Amino acid sequence: MQQLWSLVWDTWLLGGIFAILQYLYTYVHDYGFAIILLTLGFRILLIPVTWKQTKSMYELQEIQPKIKALQEKYKNDKEKQSEELMKFYQENKVNPFGGCLPLLAQMPLFIALFSVLRETLPKYITTQPVAAQAAMKQFWIILPDITMTPQQVWQLTSSAASSTPGAAASAASAVATSSVVAGAGGVMAGVSATLPYVIFVALFGLSVWLPQYLMTKDPTQRRTGTYMAIMMLYFGFVSPAGVLIYWVTSSAWQVGQQVLTQRMLKKSKESEAEVLPIEPPKTKGKTTKAGKGKKAGS
């Protein structure tokens, strides 16, 4: 069983994703852009799944006021409340778990891609010639090293390289195969070097908060999304820059697709509301003049 799992996960999934990443790199010669292209391709592949997810969540939000009314009506009878809610979902043809199931289905692919960017790619780069490693780690003119975390860049550039022999040796070793340069120490040196990474961390937090904000108008859910985004800032600060590039690109696509899908669903609903059946005028209890004349003549 373990061998089968290793074959499926390590060889097919992780190996396949890394092979695609390598293929893209041979054309763009930049792992940052290769990550972006891989992420976009991944997102395009998942359009049918994410469409169903967004559609289900949109429909659920549309009937949210009625759901809350039912919850309030049967708040003292949980069994009856569950029964009425399920009945209400069936009548409106809405699956309350429709937004979660597609997300769970694509989680293995997300985890595999995350694992490749966090572990496989950095390890592979370290096996290459030392002279080529710095160029392989750099993302255009934006990030000097996509294998380092913002935290590592801050610690490396803000600490005094000459403070102790051990620290100097550690700093020299860290920058030997990177475009990140260890400064002479100080806050300003750390801020200057870490700023591009911090911008990606901020975009990462925004990418967690914005989809939740656009999807719901419920203050509680929006507040939860805000708390989650704040907590994820730390996760972004300790994650390799390559992971941040992937996440920001993926979330930007998600937000764009979500906005477009919601507009299409809203327009479709408005069109359905405009096309109403025209009922013929009621004539019950009324007699036309022609009818009266015909009755008198007979």
C-alpha atoms as a PDB file:
ATOM      1  CA  MET A   1       0.000   0.000   0.000  1.00  0.00           C
ATOM      2  CA  GLN A   2       2.843   2.345   0.860  1.00  0.00           C
ATOM      3  CA  GLN A   3       4.540   1.622  -2.455  1.00  0.00           C
ATOM      4  CA  LEU A   4       1.309   2.349  -4.316  1.00  0.00           C
ATOM      5  CA  TRP A   5       0.903   5.644  -2.444  1.00  0.00           C
ATOM      6  CA  SER A   6       4.509   6.584  -3.227  1.00  0.00           C
ATOM      7  CA  LEU A   7       3.939   5.770  -6.892  1.00  0.00           C
ATOM      8  CA  VAL A   8       0.744   7.843  -7.144  1.00  0.00           C
ATOM      9  CA  TRP A   9       1.809  10.811  -4.999  1.00  0.00           C
ATOM     10  CA  ASP A  10       5.572  11.120  -5.447  1.00  0.00           C
ATOM     11  CA  THR A  11       6.047   9.799  -8.966  1.00  0.00           C
ATOM     12  CA  TRP A  12       2.865  10.685 -10.799  1.00  0.00           C
ATOM     13  CA  LEU A  13       1.521  13.784  -9.066  1.00  0.00           C
ATOM     14  CA  LEU A  14       4.586  15.570  -7.654  1.00  0.00           C
ATOM     15  CA  GLY A  15       6.829  14.291 -10.441  1.00  0.00           C
ATOM     16  CA  GLY A  16       4.303  15.256 -13.098  1.00  0.00           C
ATOM     17  CA  ILE A  17       3.823  18.785 -11.767  1.00  0.00           C
ATOM     18  CA  PHE A  18       7.581  19.315 -11.474  1.00  0.00           C
ATOM     19  CA  ALA A  19       8.112  18.001 -15.023  1.00  0.00           C
ATOM     20  CA  ILE A  20       5.576  20.543 -16.343  1.00  0.00           C
ATOM     21  CA  LEU A  21       7.306  23.298 -14.358  1.00  0.00           C
ATOM     22  CA  GLN A  22      10.660  22.286 -15.864  1.00  0.00           C
ATOM     23  CA  TYR A  23       9.138  22.255 -19.354  1.00  0.00           C
ATOM     24  CA  LEU A  24       7.798  25.802 -18.915  1.00  0.00           C
ATOM     25  CA  TYR A  25      11.174  26.943 -17.577  1.00  0.00           C
ATOM     26  CA  THR A  26      12.922  25.840 -20.764  1.00  0.00           C
ATOM     27  CA  TYR A  27      10.829  28.448 -22.640  1.00  0.00           C
ATOM     28  CA  VAL A  28      10.677  31.398 -20.223  1.00  0.00           C
ATOM     29  CA  HIS A  29      14.020  30.818 -18.428  1.00  0.00           C
ATOM     30  CA  ASP A  30      12.555  32.179 -15.200  1.00  0.00           C
ATOM     31  CA  TYR A  31      11.024  30.003 -12.498  1.00  0.00           C
ATOM     32  CA  GLY A  32       8.875  32.913 -11.322  1.00  0.00           C
ATOM     33  CA  PHE A  33       7.152  33.182 -14.700  1.00  0.00           C
ATOM     34  CA  ALA A  34       7.082  29.392 -14.995  1.00  0.00           C
ATOM     35  CA  ILE A  35       5.167  29.239 -11.681  1.00  0.00           C
ATOM     36  CA  ILE A  36       2.696  31.842 -12.968  1.00  0.00           C
ATOM     37  CA  LEU A  37       2.103  29.919 -16.217  1.00  0.00           C
ATOM     38  CA  LEU A  38       1.735  26.637 -14.341  1.00  0.00           C
ATOM     39  CA  THR A  39      -0.770  28.212 -11.949  1.00  0.00           C
ATOM     40  CA  LEU A  40      -2.830  29.697 -14.785  1.00  0.00           C
ATOM     41  CA  GLY A  41      -2.880  26.364 -16.600  1.00  0.00           C
ATOM     42  CA  PHE A  42      -3.934  24.674 -13.387  1.00  0.00           C
ATOM     43  CA  ARG A  43      -6.747  27.197 -12.909  1.00  0.00           C
ATOM     44  CA  ILE A  44      -7.970  26.826 -16.499  1.00  0.00           C
ATOM     45  CA  LEU A  45      -8.103  23.068 -16.026  1.00  0.00           C
ATOM     46  CA  LEU A  46     -10.308  23.531 -12.933  1.00  0.00           C
ATOM     47  CA  ILE A  47     -12.792  25.988 -14.489  1.00  0.00           C
ATOM     48  CA  PRO A  48     -15.672  23.438 -14.610  1.00  0.00           C
ATOM     49  CA  VAL A  49     -15.171  22.596 -10.929  1.00  0.00           C
ATOM     50  CA  THR A  50     -14.773  26.170  -9.700  1.00  0.00           C
ATOM     51  CA  TRP A  51     -17.775  27.263 -11.787  1.00  0.00           C
ATOM     52  CA  LYS A  52     -20.009  24.794  -9.945  1.00  0.00           C
ATOM     53  CA  GLN A  53     -18.496  25.868  -6.630  1.00  0.00           C
ATOM     54  CA  THR A  54     -19.133  29.596  -7.231  1.00  0.00           C
ATOM     55  CA  LYS A  55     -22.633  28.923  -8.617  1.00  0.00           C
ATOM     56  CA  SER A  56     -23.586  26.870  -5.563  1.00  0.00           C
ATOM     57  CA  MET A  57     -22.264  29.476  -3.133  1.00  0.00           C
ATOM     58  CA  TYR A  58     -24.039  32.267  -5.034  1.00  0.00           C
ATOM     59  CA  GLU A  59     -27.369  30.448  -4.927  1.00  0.00           C
ATOM     60  CA  LEU A  60     -26.908  29.769  -1.224  1.00  0.00           C
ATOM     61  CA  GLN A  61     -26.271  33.459  -0.539  1.00  0.00           C
ATOM     62  CA  GLU A  62     -29.405  34.426  -2.487  1.00  0.00           C
ATOM     63  CA  ILE A  63     -31.650  32.433  -0.170  1.00  0.00           C
ATOM     64  CA  GLN A  64     -29.699  33.246   2.998  1.00  0.00           C
ATOM     65  CA  PRO A  65     -32.397  35.595   4.439  1.00  0.00           C
ATOM     66  CA  LYS A  66     -35.027  32.831   4.177  1.00  0.00           C
ATOM     67  CA  ILE A  67     -32.640  30.344   5.787  1.00  0.00           C
ATOM     68  CA  LYS A  68     -32.095  32.691   8.726  1.00  0.00           C
ATOM     69  CA  ALA A  69     -35.866  33.136   9.055  1.00  0.00           C
ATOM     70  CA  LEU A  70     -36.344  29.366   9.299  1.00  0.00           C
ATOM     71  CA  GLN A  71     -33.509  29.078  11.816  1.00  0.00           C
ATOM     72  CA  GLU A  72     -35.075  31.776  13.940  1.00  0.00           C
ATOM     73  CA  LYS A  73     -38.557  30.244  13.664  1.00  0.00           C
ATOM     74  CA  TYR A  74     -37.436  26.805  14.857  1.00  0.00           C
ATOM     75  CA  LYS A  75     -34.553  27.864  17.106  1.00  0.00           C
ATOM     76  CA  ASN A  76     -36.038  25.972  20.057  1.00  0.00           C
ATOM     77  CA  ASP A  77     -36.538  22.751  18.114  1.00  0.00           C
ATOM     78  CA  LYS A  78     -33.271  21.714  16.444  1.00  0.00           C
ATOM     79  CA  GLU A  79     -34.698  18.530  14.955  1.00  0.00           C
ATOM     80  CA  LYS A  80     -37.585  20.383  13.331  1.00  0.00           C
ATOM     81  CA  GLN A  81     -35.189  23.097  12.208  1.00  0.00           C
ATOM     82  CA  SER A  82     -32.961  20.589  10.402  1.00  0.00           C
ATOM     83  CA  GLU A  83     -35.984  18.941   8.829  1.00  0.00           C
ATOM     84  CA  GLU A  84     -37.385  22.236   7.531  1.00  0.00           C
ATOM     85  CA  LEU A  85     -34.023  23.403   6.251  1.00  0.00           C
ATOM     86  CA  MET A  86     -33.458  20.198   4.265  1.00  0.00           C
ATOM     87  CA  LYS A  87     -36.969  20.490   2.864  1.00  0.00           C
ATOM     88  CA  PHE A  88     -36.275  24.114   1.930  1.00  0.00           C
ATOM     89  CA  TYR A  89     -33.001  23.169   0.192  1.00  0.00           C
ATOM     90  CA  GLN A  90     -34.767  20.461  -1.818  1.00  0.00           C
ATOM     91  CA  GLU A  91     -37.577  22.806  -2.871  1.00  0.00           C
ATOM     92  CA  ASN A  92     -35.075  25.430  -4.058  1.00  0.00           C
ATOM     93  CA  LYS A  93     -32.731  22.807  -5.600  1.00  0.00           C
ATOM     94  CA  VAL A  94     -29.752  24.044  -3.603  1.00  0.00           C
ATOM     95  CA  ASN A  95     -27.024  21.817  -2.164  1.00  0.00           C
ATOM     96  CA  PRO A  96     -25.679  23.374   1.073  1.00  0.00           C
ATOM     97  CA  PHE A  97     -22.425  21.434   0.577  1.00  0.00           C
ATOM     98  CA  GLY A  98     -22.148  22.243  -3.129  1.00  0.00           C
ATOM     99  CA  GLY A  99     -19.451  24.853  -2.493  1.00  0.00           C
ATOM    100  CA  CYS A 100     -17.361  22.565  -0.281  1.00  0.00           C
ATOM    101  CA  LEU A 101     -17.293  19.380  -2.355  1.00  0.00           C
ATOM    102  CA  PRO A 102     -15.541  20.899  -5.423  1.00  0.00           C
ATOM    103  CA  LEU A 103     -13.019  22.538  -3.092  1.00  0.00           C
ATOM    104  CA  LEU A 104     -12.251  19.219  -1.391  1.00  0.00           C
ATOM    105  CA  ALA A 105     -11.922  17.519  -4.776  1.00  0.00           C
ATOM    106  CA  GLN A 106      -9.174  19.912  -5.891  1.00  0.00           C
ATOM    107  CA  MET A 107      -7.295  20.020  -2.566  1.00  0.00           C
ATOM    108  CA  PRO A 108      -4.888  17.145  -3.448  1.00  0.00           C
ATOM    109  CA  LEU A 109      -3.740  19.052  -6.524  1.00  0.00           C
ATOM    110  CA  PHE A 110      -3.294  22.276  -4.529  1.00  0.00           C
ATOM    111  CA  ILE A 111      -1.278  20.446  -1.860  1.00  0.00           C
ATOM    112  CA  ALA A 112       0.874  18.744  -4.496  1.00  0.00           C
ATOM    113  CA  LEU A 113       1.634  22.030  -6.248  1.00  0.00           C
ATOM    114  CA  PHE A 114       2.400  23.679  -2.905  1.00  0.00           C
ATOM    115  CA  SER A 115       4.750  20.817  -2.021  1.00  0.00           C
ATOM    116  CA  VAL A 116       6.614  21.115  -5.334  1.00  0.00           C
ATOM    117  CA  LEU A 117       7.174  24.852  -4.852  1.00  0.00           C
ATOM    118  CA  ARG A 118       8.112  24.561  -1.187  1.00  0.00           C
ATOM    119  CA  GLU A 119      10.371  21.508  -1.303  1.00  0.00           C
ATOM    120  CA  THR A 120      11.036  19.924  -4.709  1.00  0.00           C
ATOM    121  CA  LEU A 121      12.049  23.063  -6.623  1.00  0.00           C
ATOM    122  CA  PRO A 122      14.439  24.488  -3.966  1.00  0.00           C
ATOM    123  CA  LYS A 123      16.107  21.068  -3.552  1.00  0.00           C
ATOM    124  CA  TYR A 124      16.518  20.729  -7.311  1.00  0.00           C
ATOM    125  CA  ILE A 125      18.139  24.153  -7.642  1.00  0.00           C
ATOM    126  CA  THR A 126      20.726  23.260  -4.986  1.00  0.00           C
ATOM    127  CA  THR A 127      21.859  20.349  -7.177  1.00  0.00           C
ATOM    128  CA  GLN A 128      22.745  22.671 -10.050  1.00  0.00           C
ATOM    129  CA  PRO A 129      26.148  24.331 -10.614  1.00  0.00           C
ATOM    130  CA  VAL A 130      26.808  27.050  -8.051  1.00  0.00           C
ATOM    131  CA  ALA A 131      27.336  29.679 -10.744  1.00  0.00           C
ATOM    132  CA  ALA A 132      23.832  29.054 -12.165  1.00  0.00           C
ATOM    133  CA  GLN A 133      21.887  28.872  -8.908  1.00  0.00           C
ATOM    134  CA  ALA A 134      21.529  32.629  -8.339  1.00  0.00           C
ATOM    135  CA  ALA A 135      19.986  33.150 -11.791  1.00  0.00           C
ATOM    136  CA  MET A 136      17.620  30.184 -11.316  1.00  0.00           C
ATOM    137  CA  LYS A 137      16.395  31.550  -7.981  1.00  0.00           C
ATOM    138  CA  GLN A 138      15.696  35.062  -9.225  1.00  0.00           C
ATOM    139  CA  PHE A 139      12.220  36.177 -10.364  1.00  0.00           C
ATOM    140  CA  TRP A 140      12.837  38.790 -13.046  1.00  0.00           C
ATOM    141  CA  ILE A 141      13.815  42.098 -11.366  1.00  0.00           C
ATOM    142  CA  ILE A 142      11.204  41.677  -8.637  1.00  0.00           C
ATOM    143  CA  LEU A 143      12.474  39.025  -6.209  1.00  0.00           C
ATOM    144  CA  PRO A 144      16.157  38.086  -5.863  1.00  0.00           C
ATOM    145  CA  ASP A 145      15.458  34.607  -4.482  1.00  0.00           C
ATOM    146  CA  ILE A 146      12.155  32.707  -4.741  1.00  0.00           C
ATOM    147  CA  THR A 147      13.403  29.873  -2.536  1.00  0.00           C
ATOM    148  CA  MET A 148      13.827  32.122   0.522  1.00  0.00           C
ATOM    149  CA  THR A 149      11.077  33.223   2.888  1.00  0.00           C
ATOM    150  CA  PRO A 150      10.546  36.912   3.740  1.00  0.00           C
ATOM    151  CA  GLN A 151      11.566  36.040   7.291  1.00  0.00           C
ATOM    152  CA  GLN A 152      14.893  34.586   6.097  1.00  0.00           C
ATOM    153  CA  VAL A 153      15.581  37.627   3.911  1.00  0.00           C
ATOM    154  CA  TRP A 154      14.893  39.956   6.855  1.00  0.00           C
ATOM    155  CA  GLN A 155      17.124  38.003   9.236  1.00  0.00           C
ATOM    156  CA  LEU A 156      19.907  37.746   6.673  1.00  0.00           C
ATOM    157  CA  THR A 157      19.979  41.378   5.558  1.00  0.00           C
ATOM    158  CA  SER A 158      19.296  43.102   8.887  1.00  0.00           C
ATOM    159  CA  SER A 159      21.832  41.171  10.966  1.00  0.00           C
ATOM    160  CA  ALA A 160      25.429  42.416  11.165  1.00  0.00           C
ATOM    161  CA  ALA A 161      27.504  40.073   9.035  1.00  0.00           C
ATOM    162  CA  SER A 162      30.628  41.063  10.945  1.00  0.00           C
ATOM    163  CA  SER A 163      29.193  40.673  14.459  1.00  0.00           C
ATOM    164  CA  THR A 164      30.637  37.211  15.053  1.00  0.00           C
ATOM    165  CA  PRO A 165      32.740  34.848  12.939  1.00  0.00           C
ATOM    166  CA  GLY A 166      29.948  32.263  13.022  1.00  0.00           C
ATOM    167  CA  ALA A 167      27.332  34.746  11.856  1.00  0.00           C
ATOM    168  CA  ALA A 168      29.621  35.990   9.104  1.00  0.00           C
ATOM    169  CA  ALA A 169      30.223  32.475   7.840  1.00  0.00           C
ATOM    170  CA  SER A 170      26.493  31.693   7.937  1.00  0.00           C
ATOM    171  CA  ALA A 171      25.608  34.847   5.998  1.00  0.00           C
ATOM    172  CA  ALA A 172      28.335  34.199   3.432  1.00  0.00           C
ATOM    173  CA  SER A 173      27.055  30.671   2.930  1.00  0.00           C
ATOM    174  CA  ALA A 174      23.448  31.836   2.534  1.00  0.00           C
ATOM    175  CA  VAL A 175      24.201  34.434  -0.133  1.00  0.00           C
ATOM    176  CA  ALA A 176      26.756  32.354  -2.032  1.00  0.00           C
ATOM    177  CA  THR A 177      24.105  30.961  -4.383  1.00  0.00           C
ATOM    178  CA  SER A 178      21.560  33.790  -4.173  1.00  0.00           C
ATOM    179  CA  SER A 179      21.059  37.332  -5.441  1.00  0.00           C
ATOM    180  CA  VAL A 180      20.118  38.400  -1.918  1.00  0.00           C
ATOM    181  CA  VAL A 181      23.020  40.332  -0.431  1.00  0.00           C
ATOM    182  CA  ALA A 182      23.709  40.314   3.288  1.00  0.00           C
ATOM    183  CA  GLY A 183      23.922  43.888   4.496  1.00  0.00           C
ATOM    184  CA  ALA A 184      26.218  45.385   7.056  1.00  0.00           C
ATOM    185  CA  GLY A 185      23.361  45.157   9.507  1.00  0.00           C
ATOM    186  CA  GLY A 186      20.607  47.525  10.579  1.00  0.00           C
ATOM    187  CA  VAL A 187      16.901  48.019  10.215  1.00  0.00           C
ATOM    188  CA  MET A 188      17.066  50.067   6.997  1.00  0.00           C
ATOM    189  CA  ALA A 189      19.126  47.410   5.236  1.00  0.00           C
ATOM    190  CA  GLY A 190      16.584  44.760   6.231  1.00  0.00           C
ATOM    191  CA  VAL A 191      13.586  46.878   5.217  1.00  0.00           C
ATOM    192  CA  SER A 192      15.060  47.687   1.794  1.00  0.00           C
ATOM    193  CA  ALA A 193      15.821  44.049   0.959  1.00  0.00           C
ATOM    194  CA  THR A 194      12.621  42.625   2.448  1.00  0.00           C
ATOM    195  CA  LEU A 195      10.186  45.185   0.961  1.00  0.00           C
ATOM    196  CA  PRO A 196       9.482  43.286  -2.323  1.00  0.00           C
ATOM    197  CA  TYR A 197       8.792  40.151  -0.281  1.00  0.00           C
ATOM    198  CA  VAL A 198       6.554  42.039   2.160  1.00  0.00           C
ATOM    199  CA  ILE A 199       4.500  43.355  -0.772  1.00  0.00           C
ATOM    200  CA  PHE A 200       3.857  39.763  -1.852  1.00  0.00           C
ATOM    201  CA  VAL A 201       2.916  38.867   1.753  1.00  0.00           C
ATOM    202  CA  ALA A 202       0.413  41.772   1.762  1.00  0.00           C
ATOM    203  CA  LEU A 203      -1.001  40.612  -1.580  1.00  0.00           C
ATOM    204  CA  PHE A 204      -1.214  37.114  -0.115  1.00  0.00           C
ATOM    205  CA  GLY A 205      -3.299  38.385   2.827  1.00  0.00           C
ATOM    206  CA  LEU A 206      -5.490  40.419   0.470  1.00  0.00           C
ATOM    207  CA  SER A 207      -6.017  37.357  -1.737  1.00  0.00           C
ATOM    208  CA  VAL A 208      -7.357  35.446   1.284  1.00  0.00           C
ATOM    209  CA  TRP A 209      -9.696  38.262   2.374  1.00  0.00           C
ATOM    210  CA  LEU A 210     -11.095  39.530  -0.946  1.00  0.00           C
ATOM    211  CA  PRO A 211     -12.848  36.352  -2.234  1.00  0.00           C
ATOM    212  CA  GLN A 212     -14.668  35.968   1.100  1.00  0.00           C
ATOM    213  CA  TYR A 213     -15.673  39.635   1.065  1.00  0.00           C
ATOM    214  CA  LEU A 214     -17.047  39.432  -2.476  1.00  0.00           C
ATOM    215  CA  MET A 215     -18.925  36.174  -1.899  1.00  0.00           C
ATOM    216  CA  THR A 216     -21.001  37.170   1.128  1.00  0.00           C
ATOM    217  CA  LYS A 217     -22.684  40.225   2.610  1.00  0.00           C
ATOM    218  CA  ASP A 218     -23.022  38.650   6.040  1.00  0.00           C
ATOM    219  CA  PRO A 219     -21.044  40.749   8.571  1.00  0.00           C
ATOM    220  CA  THR A 220     -20.088  37.709  10.655  1.00  0.00           C
ATOM    221  CA  GLN A 221     -18.647  35.816   7.696  1.00  0.00           C
ATOM    222  CA  ARG A 222     -16.814  38.917   6.486  1.00  0.00           C
ATOM    223  CA  ARG A 223     -15.354  39.431   9.949  1.00  0.00           C
ATOM    224  CA  THR A 224     -14.210  35.798   9.998  1.00  0.00           C
ATOM    225  CA  GLY A 225     -12.568  36.287   6.608  1.00  0.00           C
ATOM    226  CA  THR A 226     -10.731  39.347   7.935  1.00  0.00           C
ATOM    227  CA  TYR A 227      -9.390  37.446  10.955  1.00  0.00           C
ATOM    228  CA  MET A 228      -8.289  34.586   8.716  1.00  0.00           C
ATOM    229  CA  ALA A 229      -6.479  36.974   6.350  1.00  0.00           C
ATOM    230  CA  ILE A 230      -4.607  38.544   9.276  1.00  0.00           C
ATOM    231  CA  MET A 231      -3.530  35.122  10.550  1.00  0.00           C
ATOM    232  CA  MET A 232      -2.418  34.087   7.061  1.00  0.00           C
ATOM    233  CA  LEU A 233      -0.031  37.055   6.921  1.00  0.00           C
ATOM    234  CA  TYR A 234       2.287  35.174   9.265  1.00  0.00           C
ATOM    235  CA  PHE A 235       2.018  32.049   7.120  1.00  0.00           C
ATOM    236  CA  GLY A 236       3.027  34.125   4.113  1.00  0.00           C
ATOM    237  CA  PHE A 237       5.954  35.634   6.028  1.00  0.00           C
ATOM    238  CA  VAL A 238       7.441  32.182   6.700  1.00  0.00           C
ATOM    239  CA  SER A 239       6.677  30.675   3.265  1.00  0.00           C
ATOM    240  CA  PRO A 240       9.094  30.613   0.302  1.00  0.00           C
ATOM    241  CA  ALA A 241       8.528  33.402  -2.214  1.00  0.00           C
ATOM    242  CA  GLY A 242       7.735  30.827  -4.905  1.00  0.00           C
ATOM    243  CA  VAL A 243       4.697  29.743  -2.885  1.00  0.00           C
ATOM    244  CA  LEU A 244       3.588  33.384  -2.581  1.00  0.00           C
ATOM    245  CA  ILE A 245       3.853  33.845  -6.355  1.00  0.00           C
ATOM    246  CA  TYR A 246       1.656  30.796  -6.861  1.00  0.00           C
ATOM    247  CA  TRP A 247      -0.918  31.836  -4.265  1.00  0.00           C
ATOM    248  CA  VAL A 248      -1.221  35.465  -5.410  1.00  0.00           C
ATOM    249  CA  THR A 249      -1.590  34.384  -9.060  1.00  0.00           C
ATOM    250  CA  SER A 250      -4.139  31.702  -8.186  1.00  0.00           C
ATOM    251  CA  SER A 251      -6.197  34.066  -6.019  1.00  0.00           C
ATOM    252  CA  ALA A 252      -6.134  36.841  -8.633  1.00  0.00           C
ATOM    253  CA  TRP A 253      -7.579  34.360 -11.132  1.00  0.00           C
ATOM    254  CA  GLN A 254     -10.125  33.187  -8.549  1.00  0.00           C
ATOM    255  CA  VAL A 255     -11.329  36.733  -7.827  1.00  0.00           C
ATOM    256  CA  GLY A 256     -11.651  37.549 -11.535  1.00  0.00           C
ATOM    257  CA  GLN A 257     -13.528  34.317 -12.249  1.00  0.00           C
ATOM    258  CA  GLN A 258     -15.727  34.805  -9.183  1.00  0.00           C
ATOM    259  CA  VAL A 259     -16.739  38.340 -10.181  1.00  0.00           C
ATOM    260  CA  LEU A 260     -17.427  37.273 -13.775  1.00  0.00           C
ATOM    261  CA  THR A 261     -19.435  34.211 -12.678  1.00  0.00           C
ATOM    262  CA  GLN A 262     -21.550  36.246 -10.249  1.00  0.00           C
ATOM    263  CA  ARG A 263     -22.323  38.821 -12.933  1.00  0.00           C
ATOM    264  CA  MET A 264     -23.346  36.093 -15.373  1.00  0.00           C
ATOM    265  CA  LEU A 265     -25.560  34.407 -12.768  1.00  0.00           C
ATOM    266  CA  LYS A 266     -27.143  37.716 -11.782  1.00  0.00           C
ATOM    267  CA  LYS A 267     -27.819  38.629 -15.416  1.00  0.00           C
ATOM    268  CA  SER A 268     -29.306  35.181 -16.050  1.00  0.00           C
ATOM    269  CA  LYS A 269     -31.583  35.536 -13.047  1.00  0.00           C
ATOM    270  CA  GLU A 270     -32.752  38.990 -14.163  1.00  0.00           C
ATOM    271  CA  SER A 271     -33.485  37.659 -17.650  1.00  0.00           C
ATOM    272  CA  GLU A 272     -35.552  34.810 -16.210  1.00  0.00           C
ATOM    273  CA  ALA A 273     -37.492  37.284 -14.063  1.00  0.00           C
ATOM    274  CA  GLU A 274     -38.326  39.446 -17.093  1.00  0.00           C
ATOM    275  CA  VAL A 275     -39.699  36.536 -19.149  1.00  0.00           C
ATOM    276  CA  LEU A 276     -42.970  35.931 -17.306  1.00  0.00           C
ATOM    277  CA  PRO A 277     -46.015  34.108 -18.760  1.00  0.00           C
ATOM    278  CA  ILE A 278     -48.723  36.512 -19.964  1.00  0.00           C
ATOM    279  CA  GLU A 279     -52.093  35.501 -18.523  1.00  0.00           C
ATOM    280  CA  PRO A 280     -55.222  36.090 -20.639  1.00  0.00           C
ATOM    281  CA  PRO A 281     -57.707  38.662 -19.268  1.00  0.00           C
ATOM    282  CA  LYS A 282     -60.336  37.232 -16.981  1.00  0.00           C
ATOM    283  CA  THR A 283     -63.889  37.279 -18.507  1.00  0.00           C
ATOM    284  CA  LYS A 284     -65.735  35.390 -15.795  1.00  0.00           C
ATOM    285  CA  GLY A 285     -69.049  37.007 -14.888  1.00  0.00           C
ATOM    286  CA  LYS A 286     -68.961  39.448 -17.814  1.00  0.00           C
ATOM    287  CA  THR A 287     -71.191  39.381 -20.903  1.00  0.00           C
ATOM    288  CA  THR A 288     -70.277  41.159 -24.124  1.00  0.00           C
ATOM    289  CA  LYS A 289     -72.712  43.355 -26.020  1.00  0.00           C
ATOM    290  CA  ALA A 290     -72.711  40.899 -28.890  1.00  0.00           C
ATOM    291  CA  GLY A 291     -73.685  38.168 -26.495  1.00  0.00           C
ATOM    292  CA  LYS A 292     -76.573  40.236 -25.144  1.00  0.00           C
ATOM    293  CA  GLY A 293     -77.876  41.029 -28.645  1.00  0.00           C
ATOM    294  CA  LYS A 294     -77.732  37.419 -29.649  1.00  0.00           C
ATOM    295  CA  LYS A 295     -79.648  36.445 -26.493  1.00  0.00           C
ATOM    296  CA  ALA A 296     -82.346  39.073 -27.128  1.00  0.00           C
ATOM    297  CA  GLY A 297     -82.763  38.025 -30.769  1.00  0.00           C
ATOM    298  CA  SER A 298     -83.319  34.426 -29.823  1.00  0.00           C
END
